[in-house]
Amino acid sequence: MANSIRENILVKIEAALNTISGVGTVERSRITPISESLAFPAIFLFEDREEVIINSPNAMGKVVKNLYITLQVWQMDDGSGLSTQLNELLKNVETKIMSNSQWDSLAMQTIPGESRNFINFNSTKGFGFLGFEFDIKIQYRHTFYDPETA
């Protein structure tokens, strides 16, 4: 049995994130706490929700879906400046996500959403965690009753 269009897109996203220089961990739907045992920077991919749009003008007789994904990215404070460190990694993640916005023709489009920064301070410079969340919406379609066929 083949994977669904959705699963194939998620596999491609995970593979793309693994190619970002310096990224140590990429996982889908992490449920265990962040710890120093991870290879940082670490990217976690969460599938938030999915909308189904029937009779959309661009549906072409198919079911159109909007898959909402949040990428949660954590890194260790390297002491170089929190804003600079966060912005560099955010740029790299966004560039990689948007470099194949149709995911090899599986998706219609990828739309970047908002990002949110967060910092877990440590009194010792260079030992805190910092990160961000980056939301994306991936619009794709498949035939009715067959999520494997685009």
N, C-alpha and C. Protein backbone atom coordinates (compact mmCIF):
# COMPACT_ATOMS: atom_id res chain seq x y z
N MET A 1 0.84 -1.19 0.00
CA MET A 1 0.00 0.00 0.00
C MET A 1 0.89 1.25 0.00
N ALA A 2 0.57 2.16 -0.87
CA ALA A 2 1.33 3.41 -0.97
C ALA A 2 0.95 4.36 0.16
N ASN A 3 1.82 5.32 0.43
CA ASN A 3 1.52 6.34 1.42
C ASN A 3 0.53 7.35 0.86
N SER A 4 -0.18 8.02 1.75
CA SER A 4 -1.08 9.09 1.33
C SER A 4 -0.26 10.28 0.83
N ILE A 5 -0.92 11.16 0.09
CA ILE A 5 -0.26 12.39 -0.37
C ILE A 5 0.26 13.16 0.85
N ARG A 6 -0.56 13.23 1.89
CA ARG A 6 -0.18 13.93 3.13
C ARG A 6 1.11 13.34 3.70
N GLU A 7 1.17 12.02 3.85
CA GLU A 7 2.35 11.38 4.42
C GLU A 7 3.57 11.61 3.54
N ASN A 8 3.41 11.53 2.23
CA ASN A 8 4.53 11.77 1.32
C ASN A 8 5.07 13.19 1.46
N ILE A 9 4.18 14.17 1.64
CA ILE A 9 4.61 15.55 1.85
C ILE A 9 5.38 15.67 3.16
N LEU A 10 4.87 15.06 4.22
CA LEU A 10 5.54 15.13 5.52
C LEU A 10 6.92 14.48 5.48
N VAL A 11 7.04 13.40 4.77
CA VAL A 11 8.35 12.74 4.62
C VAL A 11 9.32 13.67 3.90
N LYS A 12 8.84 14.36 2.87
CA LYS A 12 9.69 15.30 2.12
C LYS A 12 10.11 16.48 2.99
N ILE A 13 9.20 16.98 3.83
CA ILE A 13 9.53 18.09 4.73
C ILE A 13 10.61 17.65 5.72
N GLU A 14 10.41 16.49 6.32
CA GLU A 14 11.39 15.97 7.27
C GLU A 14 12.76 15.81 6.61
N ALA A 15 12.78 15.25 5.42
CA ALA A 15 14.05 15.07 4.70
C ALA A 15 14.70 16.40 4.38
N ALA A 16 13.91 17.40 3.97
CA ALA A 16 14.46 18.72 3.65
C ALA A 16 15.07 19.37 4.89
N LEU A 17 14.38 19.27 6.03
CA LEU A 17 14.89 19.88 7.26
C LEU A 17 16.19 19.21 7.70
N ASN A 18 16.33 17.93 7.42
CA ASN A 18 17.55 17.21 7.77
C ASN A 18 18.76 17.68 6.97
N THR A 19 18.53 18.40 5.87
CA THR A 19 19.65 18.88 5.05
C THR A 19 20.15 20.27 5.45
N ILE A 20 19.50 20.91 6.43
CA ILE A 20 19.97 22.22 6.88
C ILE A 20 21.30 22.04 7.60
N SER A 21 22.30 22.75 7.17
CA SER A 21 23.64 22.63 7.74
C SER A 21 23.62 22.92 9.24
N GLY A 22 24.18 22.01 10.01
CA GLY A 22 24.30 22.21 11.44
C GLY A 22 23.15 21.68 12.27
N VAL A 23 22.03 21.33 11.66
CA VAL A 23 20.90 20.82 12.43
C VAL A 23 21.23 19.41 12.90
N GLY A 24 21.02 19.15 14.20
CA GLY A 24 21.39 17.87 14.77
C GLY A 24 20.26 16.87 14.89
N THR A 25 19.03 17.34 15.08
CA THR A 25 17.88 16.45 15.30
C THR A 25 16.68 16.97 14.53
N VAL A 26 15.99 16.09 13.82
CA VAL A 26 14.70 16.40 13.21
C VAL A 26 13.77 15.25 13.58
N GLU A 27 12.66 15.57 14.24
CA GLU A 27 11.70 14.55 14.66
C GLU A 27 10.29 15.03 14.38
N ARG A 28 9.41 14.08 14.16
CA ARG A 28 7.99 14.39 14.00
C ARG A 28 7.26 14.10 15.30
N SER A 29 6.41 15.05 15.72
CA SER A 29 5.51 14.89 16.87
C SER A 29 6.21 14.44 18.13
N ARG A 30 7.23 15.15 18.54
CA ARG A 30 7.95 14.82 19.77
C ARG A 30 7.04 15.04 20.98
N ILE A 31 7.05 14.08 21.90
CA ILE A 31 6.22 14.22 23.09
C ILE A 31 7.03 14.19 24.38
N THR A 32 8.32 13.89 24.30
CA THR A 32 9.15 13.88 25.49
C THR A 32 9.79 15.24 25.68
N PRO A 33 10.16 15.58 26.90
CA PRO A 33 10.73 16.91 27.17
C PRO A 33 12.05 17.15 26.44
N ILE A 34 12.33 18.42 26.24
CA ILE A 34 13.61 18.83 25.65
C ILE A 34 14.69 18.59 26.71
N SER A 35 15.79 18.01 26.32
CA SER A 35 16.88 17.79 27.27
C SER A 35 18.20 18.01 26.55
N GLU A 36 19.27 18.10 27.32
CA GLU A 36 20.59 18.34 26.75
C GLU A 36 21.11 17.13 25.99
N SER A 37 20.42 15.98 26.07
CA SER A 37 20.87 14.79 25.37
C SER A 37 20.57 14.83 23.87
N LEU A 38 19.75 15.79 23.44
CA LEU A 38 19.46 15.95 22.01
C LEU A 38 20.64 16.59 21.29
N ALA A 39 20.73 16.33 20.01
CA ALA A 39 21.71 17.04 19.17
C ALA A 39 21.05 18.34 18.72
N PHE A 40 21.59 19.48 19.11
CA PHE A 40 21.02 20.78 18.79
C PHE A 40 21.75 21.40 17.61
N PRO A 41 21.08 22.26 16.86
CA PRO A 41 19.68 22.62 16.91
C PRO A 41 18.77 21.42 16.60
N ALA A 42 17.60 21.44 17.21
CA ALA A 42 16.63 20.37 17.04
C ALA A 42 15.34 20.95 16.47
N ILE A 43 14.78 20.27 15.48
CA ILE A 43 13.54 20.72 14.85
C ILE A 43 12.49 19.63 15.04
N PHE A 44 11.33 20.04 15.55
CA PHE A 44 10.21 19.12 15.75
C PHE A 44 9.06 19.56 14.87
N LEU A 45 8.49 18.63 14.16
CA LEU A 45 7.44 18.89 13.19
C LEU A 45 6.12 18.39 13.78
N PHE A 46 5.17 19.31 13.98
CA PHE A 46 3.86 18.97 14.54
C PHE A 46 2.77 19.24 13.51
N GLU A 47 1.95 18.24 13.26
CA GLU A 47 0.81 18.39 12.37
C GLU A 47 -0.34 18.92 13.21
N ASP A 48 -0.69 20.19 13.02
CA ASP A 48 -1.69 20.83 13.87
C ASP A 48 -3.11 20.43 13.52
N ARG A 49 -3.50 20.70 12.31
CA ARG A 49 -4.87 20.41 11.88
C ARG A 49 -4.92 20.39 10.37
N GLU A 50 -6.06 19.96 9.86
CA GLU A 50 -6.23 19.92 8.42
C GLU A 50 -7.65 20.32 8.07
N GLU A 51 -7.78 21.26 7.15
CA GLU A 51 -9.09 21.69 6.64
C GLU A 51 -9.37 20.96 5.34
N VAL A 52 -10.63 20.62 5.14
CA VAL A 52 -11.05 20.01 3.89
C VAL A 52 -11.94 21.01 3.17
N ILE A 53 -11.63 21.27 1.89
CA ILE A 53 -12.38 22.23 1.09
C ILE A 53 -12.95 21.48 -0.11
N ILE A 54 -14.25 21.41 -0.18
CA ILE A 54 -14.91 20.75 -1.31
C ILE A 54 -15.54 21.83 -2.17
N ASN A 55 -15.49 21.66 -3.47
CA ASN A 55 -16.02 22.61 -4.45
C ASN A 55 -15.24 23.92 -4.48
N SER A 56 -13.96 23.83 -4.18
CA SER A 56 -13.08 24.99 -4.29
C SER A 56 -12.87 25.28 -5.77
N PRO A 57 -12.74 26.56 -6.14
CA PRO A 57 -12.51 26.89 -7.56
C PRO A 57 -11.27 26.21 -8.15
N ASN A 58 -10.27 25.95 -7.32
CA ASN A 58 -9.05 25.33 -7.83
C ASN A 58 -8.99 23.83 -7.53
N ALA A 59 -10.12 23.23 -7.17
CA ALA A 59 -10.15 21.82 -6.80
C ALA A 59 -10.05 20.89 -7.99
N MET A 60 -10.52 21.31 -9.16
CA MET A 60 -10.48 20.49 -10.37
C MET A 60 -11.12 19.12 -10.13
N GLY A 61 -12.25 19.13 -9.43
CA GLY A 61 -12.98 17.89 -9.18
C GLY A 61 -12.40 17.03 -8.08
N LYS A 62 -11.51 17.57 -7.28
CA LYS A 62 -10.85 16.81 -6.23
C LYS A 62 -11.10 17.44 -4.86
N VAL A 63 -10.68 16.76 -3.83
CA VAL A 63 -10.73 17.30 -2.48
C VAL A 63 -9.47 18.14 -2.28
N VAL A 64 -9.63 19.38 -1.84
CA VAL A 64 -8.50 20.24 -1.51
C VAL A 64 -8.37 20.28 0.00
N LYS A 65 -7.15 20.14 0.48
CA LYS A 65 -6.89 20.16 1.92
C LYS A 65 -5.82 21.18 2.25
N ASN A 66 -6.00 21.85 3.37
CA ASN A 66 -5.00 22.74 3.92
C ASN A 66 -4.45 22.08 5.17
N LEU A 67 -3.19 21.67 5.12
CA LEU A 67 -2.51 21.03 6.24
C LEU A 67 -1.70 22.09 6.97
N TYR A 68 -2.02 22.29 8.24
CA TYR A 68 -1.32 23.27 9.07
C TYR A 68 -0.26 22.56 9.89
N ILE A 69 0.96 23.05 9.79
CA ILE A 69 2.11 22.44 10.45
C ILE A 69 2.82 23.51 11.26
N THR A 70 3.26 23.13 12.45
CA THR A 70 4.12 24.00 13.25
C THR A 70 5.47 23.34 13.38
N LEU A 71 6.50 24.07 13.03
CA LEU A 71 7.87 23.62 13.24
C LEU A 71 8.35 24.28 14.53
N GLN A 72 8.73 23.48 15.48
CA GLN A 72 9.26 24.00 16.74
C GLN A 72 10.76 23.74 16.72
N VAL A 73 11.54 24.79 16.88
CA VAL A 73 12.99 24.70 16.74
C VAL A 73 13.65 25.15 18.04
N TRP A 74 14.53 24.31 18.56
CA TRP A 74 15.26 24.61 19.80
C TRP A 74 16.76 24.58 19.52
N GLN A 75 17.46 25.45 20.19
CA GLN A 75 18.91 25.43 20.12
C GLN A 75 19.47 25.88 21.45
N MET A 76 20.73 25.57 21.67
CA MET A 76 21.41 26.01 22.89
C MET A 76 21.94 27.43 22.65
N ASP A 77 21.85 28.23 23.68
CA ASP A 77 22.41 29.58 23.63
C ASP A 77 23.93 29.44 23.50
N ASP A 78 24.46 29.94 22.38
CA ASP A 78 25.92 29.82 22.19
C ASP A 78 26.66 31.07 22.68
N GLY A 79 25.92 32.02 23.27
CA GLY A 79 26.53 33.22 23.82
C GLY A 79 26.78 34.30 22.80
N SER A 80 26.38 34.08 21.54
CA SER A 80 26.66 35.05 20.48
C SER A 80 25.62 36.16 20.37
N GLY A 81 24.57 36.06 21.11
CA GLY A 81 23.48 37.04 21.02
C GLY A 81 22.20 36.32 20.63
N LEU A 82 21.22 36.36 21.50
CA LEU A 82 20.02 35.56 21.32
C LEU A 82 19.28 35.90 20.04
N SER A 83 19.08 37.17 19.77
CA SER A 83 18.33 37.58 18.58
C SER A 83 19.06 37.16 17.31
N THR A 84 20.34 37.39 17.26
CA THR A 84 21.13 37.02 16.09
C THR A 84 21.08 35.52 15.85
N GLN A 85 21.24 34.76 16.91
CA GLN A 85 21.24 33.30 16.81
C GLN A 85 19.87 32.79 16.33
N LEU A 86 18.78 33.32 16.90
CA LEU A 86 17.44 32.90 16.49
C LEU A 86 17.15 33.27 15.04
N ASN A 87 17.48 34.49 14.67
CA ASN A 87 17.18 34.96 13.32
C ASN A 87 17.93 34.19 12.24
N GLU A 88 19.14 33.79 12.52
CA GLU A 88 19.91 33.01 11.54
C GLU A 88 19.26 31.65 11.31
N LEU A 89 18.87 30.98 12.38
CA LEU A 89 18.25 29.66 12.23
C LEU A 89 16.86 29.78 11.61
N LEU A 90 16.08 30.81 11.98
CA LEU A 90 14.77 31.03 11.37
C LEU A 90 14.91 31.23 9.86
N LYS A 91 15.89 32.01 9.46
CA LYS A 91 16.15 32.24 8.02
C LYS A 91 16.44 30.92 7.32
N ASN A 92 17.28 30.10 7.92
CA ASN A 92 17.64 28.82 7.30
C ASN A 92 16.45 27.88 7.19
N VAL A 93 15.62 27.82 8.22
CA VAL A 93 14.44 26.96 8.20
C VAL A 93 13.44 27.45 7.16
N GLU A 94 13.14 28.75 7.17
CA GLU A 94 12.17 29.29 6.22
C GLU A 94 12.66 29.12 4.77
N THR A 95 13.93 29.37 4.54
CA THR A 95 14.49 29.21 3.20
C THR A 95 14.34 27.76 2.72
N LYS A 96 14.62 26.81 3.60
CA LYS A 96 14.52 25.41 3.22
C LYS A 96 13.07 25.01 2.95
N ILE A 97 12.15 25.45 3.79
CA ILE A 97 10.73 25.10 3.61
C ILE A 97 10.19 25.69 2.31
N MET A 98 10.58 26.89 1.96
CA MET A 98 10.05 27.55 0.77
C MET A 98 10.82 27.20 -0.51
N SER A 99 11.91 26.45 -0.39
CA SER A 99 12.71 26.14 -1.58
C SER A 99 12.04 25.08 -2.47
N ASN A 100 11.08 24.37 -1.95
CA ASN A 100 10.35 23.37 -2.73
C ASN A 100 8.87 23.49 -2.35
N SER A 101 8.28 24.62 -2.64
CA SER A 101 6.94 24.94 -2.12
C SER A 101 5.83 24.02 -2.63
N GLN A 102 6.09 23.25 -3.69
CA GLN A 102 5.08 22.30 -4.16
C GLN A 102 5.48 20.86 -3.83
N TRP A 103 6.54 20.69 -3.09
CA TRP A 103 6.97 19.38 -2.61
C TRP A 103 6.95 18.35 -3.73
N ASP A 104 7.72 18.67 -4.76
CA ASP A 104 7.85 17.80 -5.93
C ASP A 104 6.50 17.45 -6.54
N SER A 105 5.67 18.46 -6.71
CA SER A 105 4.34 18.37 -7.35
C SER A 105 3.29 17.63 -6.53
N LEU A 106 3.56 17.36 -5.25
CA LEU A 106 2.54 16.75 -4.39
C LEU A 106 1.58 17.80 -3.83
N ALA A 107 2.07 19.02 -3.67
CA ALA A 107 1.26 20.10 -3.09
C ALA A 107 1.01 21.18 -4.13
N MET A 108 -0.04 21.95 -3.89
CA MET A 108 -0.34 23.08 -4.75
C MET A 108 0.50 24.28 -4.36
N GLN A 109 0.66 24.49 -3.04
CA GLN A 109 1.46 25.61 -2.56
C GLN A 109 1.78 25.45 -1.08
N THR A 110 2.83 26.13 -0.65
CA THR A 110 3.19 26.22 0.75
C THR A 110 3.17 27.70 1.12
N ILE A 111 2.48 28.00 2.19
CA ILE A 111 2.33 29.40 2.61
C ILE A 111 2.91 29.55 4.00
N PRO A 112 3.96 30.39 4.15
CA PRO A 112 4.52 30.60 5.49
C PRO A 112 3.55 31.40 6.35
N GLY A 113 3.53 31.08 7.63
CA GLY A 113 2.67 31.79 8.57
C GLY A 113 3.51 32.57 9.56
N GLU A 114 3.00 32.68 10.75
CA GLU A 114 3.69 33.48 11.76
C GLU A 114 4.79 32.67 12.44
N SER A 115 5.68 33.39 13.09
CA SER A 115 6.70 32.76 13.92
C SER A 115 6.64 33.39 15.31
N ARG A 116 7.02 32.59 16.30
CA ARG A 116 7.01 33.04 17.69
C ARG A 116 8.33 32.62 18.33
N ASN A 117 9.05 33.57 18.90
CA ASN A 117 10.31 33.27 19.59
C ASN A 117 10.05 33.00 21.06
N PHE A 118 10.87 32.13 21.65
CA PHE A 118 10.81 31.90 23.09
C PHE A 118 12.21 31.56 23.58
N ILE A 119 12.46 31.94 24.82
CA ILE A 119 13.79 31.78 25.39
C ILE A 119 13.64 31.24 26.80
N ASN A 120 14.40 30.20 27.13
CA ASN A 120 14.47 29.65 28.47
C ASN A 120 15.81 30.10 29.04
N PHE A 121 15.78 31.19 29.79
CA PHE A 121 17.03 31.78 30.26
C PHE A 121 17.72 30.91 31.29
N ASN A 122 19.03 30.99 31.30
CA ASN A 122 19.86 30.37 32.31
C ASN A 122 20.77 31.47 32.80
N SER A 123 21.07 31.48 34.08
CA SER A 123 21.89 32.56 34.62
C SER A 123 23.31 32.53 34.07
N THR A 124 23.75 31.40 33.57
CA THR A 124 25.09 31.29 32.98
C THR A 124 24.99 31.46 31.48
N LYS A 125 25.68 32.50 30.97
CA LYS A 125 25.61 32.78 29.54
C LYS A 125 26.09 31.57 28.74
N GLY A 126 25.32 31.22 27.72
CA GLY A 126 25.68 30.10 26.87
C GLY A 126 25.09 28.77 27.30
N PHE A 127 24.23 28.75 28.32
CA PHE A 127 23.68 27.49 28.80
C PHE A 127 22.16 27.42 28.78
N GLY A 128 21.49 28.40 28.25
CA GLY A 128 20.04 28.38 28.17
C GLY A 128 19.56 27.79 26.85
N PHE A 129 18.29 27.47 26.77
CA PHE A 129 17.67 27.03 25.53
C PHE A 129 16.97 28.23 24.91
N LEU A 130 16.96 28.31 23.61
CA LEU A 130 16.18 29.31 22.93
C LEU A 130 15.60 28.68 21.68
N GLY A 131 14.53 29.26 21.18
CA GLY A 131 13.92 28.66 20.01
C GLY A 131 12.79 29.50 19.46
N PHE A 132 12.09 28.88 18.51
CA PHE A 132 10.95 29.55 17.90
C PHE A 132 10.01 28.50 17.34
N GLU A 133 8.81 28.94 17.07
CA GLU A 133 7.85 28.14 16.33
C GLU A 133 7.58 28.86 15.03
N PHE A 134 7.45 28.09 13.97
CA PHE A 134 7.21 28.64 12.64
C PHE A 134 6.06 27.86 12.03
N ASP A 135 4.98 28.56 11.70
CA ASP A 135 3.78 27.93 11.16
C ASP A 135 3.79 27.97 9.64
N ILE A 136 3.36 26.87 9.04
CA ILE A 136 3.20 26.83 7.59
C ILE A 136 1.88 26.15 7.25
N LYS A 137 1.35 26.52 6.11
CA LYS A 137 0.13 25.88 5.58
C LYS A 137 0.49 25.28 4.24
N ILE A 138 0.20 24.01 4.08
CA ILE A 138 0.47 23.33 2.82
C ILE A 138 -0.87 22.93 2.22
N GLN A 139 -1.13 23.45 1.04
CA GLN A 139 -2.37 23.13 0.34
C GLN A 139 -2.10 22.06 -0.70
N TYR A 140 -2.89 20.99 -0.63
CA TYR A 140 -2.73 19.90 -1.60
C TYR A 140 -4.10 19.35 -1.94
N ARG A 141 -4.17 18.47 -2.91
CA ARG A 141 -5.44 17.88 -3.30
C ARG A 141 -5.24 16.41 -3.65
N HIS A 142 -6.35 15.69 -3.57
CA HIS A 142 -6.35 14.29 -3.99
C HIS A 142 -7.74 13.93 -4.47
N THR A 143 -7.84 12.81 -5.13
CA THR A 143 -9.15 12.38 -5.64
C THR A 143 -10.06 12.04 -4.46
N PHE A 144 -11.37 12.16 -4.70
CA PHE A 144 -12.32 11.81 -3.65
C PHE A 144 -12.14 10.37 -3.24
N TYR A 145 -12.16 10.12 -1.95
CA TYR A 145 -12.11 8.78 -1.38
C TYR A 145 -10.80 8.05 -1.63
N ASP A 146 -9.79 8.73 -2.10
CA ASP A 146 -8.50 8.08 -2.33
C ASP A 146 -7.37 9.06 -2.01
N PRO A 147 -6.93 9.13 -0.74
CA PRO A 147 -5.89 10.08 -0.36
C PRO A 147 -4.51 9.74 -0.89
N GLU A 148 -4.38 8.62 -1.62
CA GLU A 148 -3.10 8.25 -2.21
C GLU A 148 -2.90 8.80 -3.62
N THR A 149 -3.98 9.25 -4.26
CA THR A 149 -3.91 9.65 -5.67
C THR A 149 -4.10 11.15 -5.82
N ALA A 150 -3.09 11.79 -6.35
CA ALA A 150 -3.14 13.25 -6.52
C ALA A 150 -4.08 13.63 -7.66
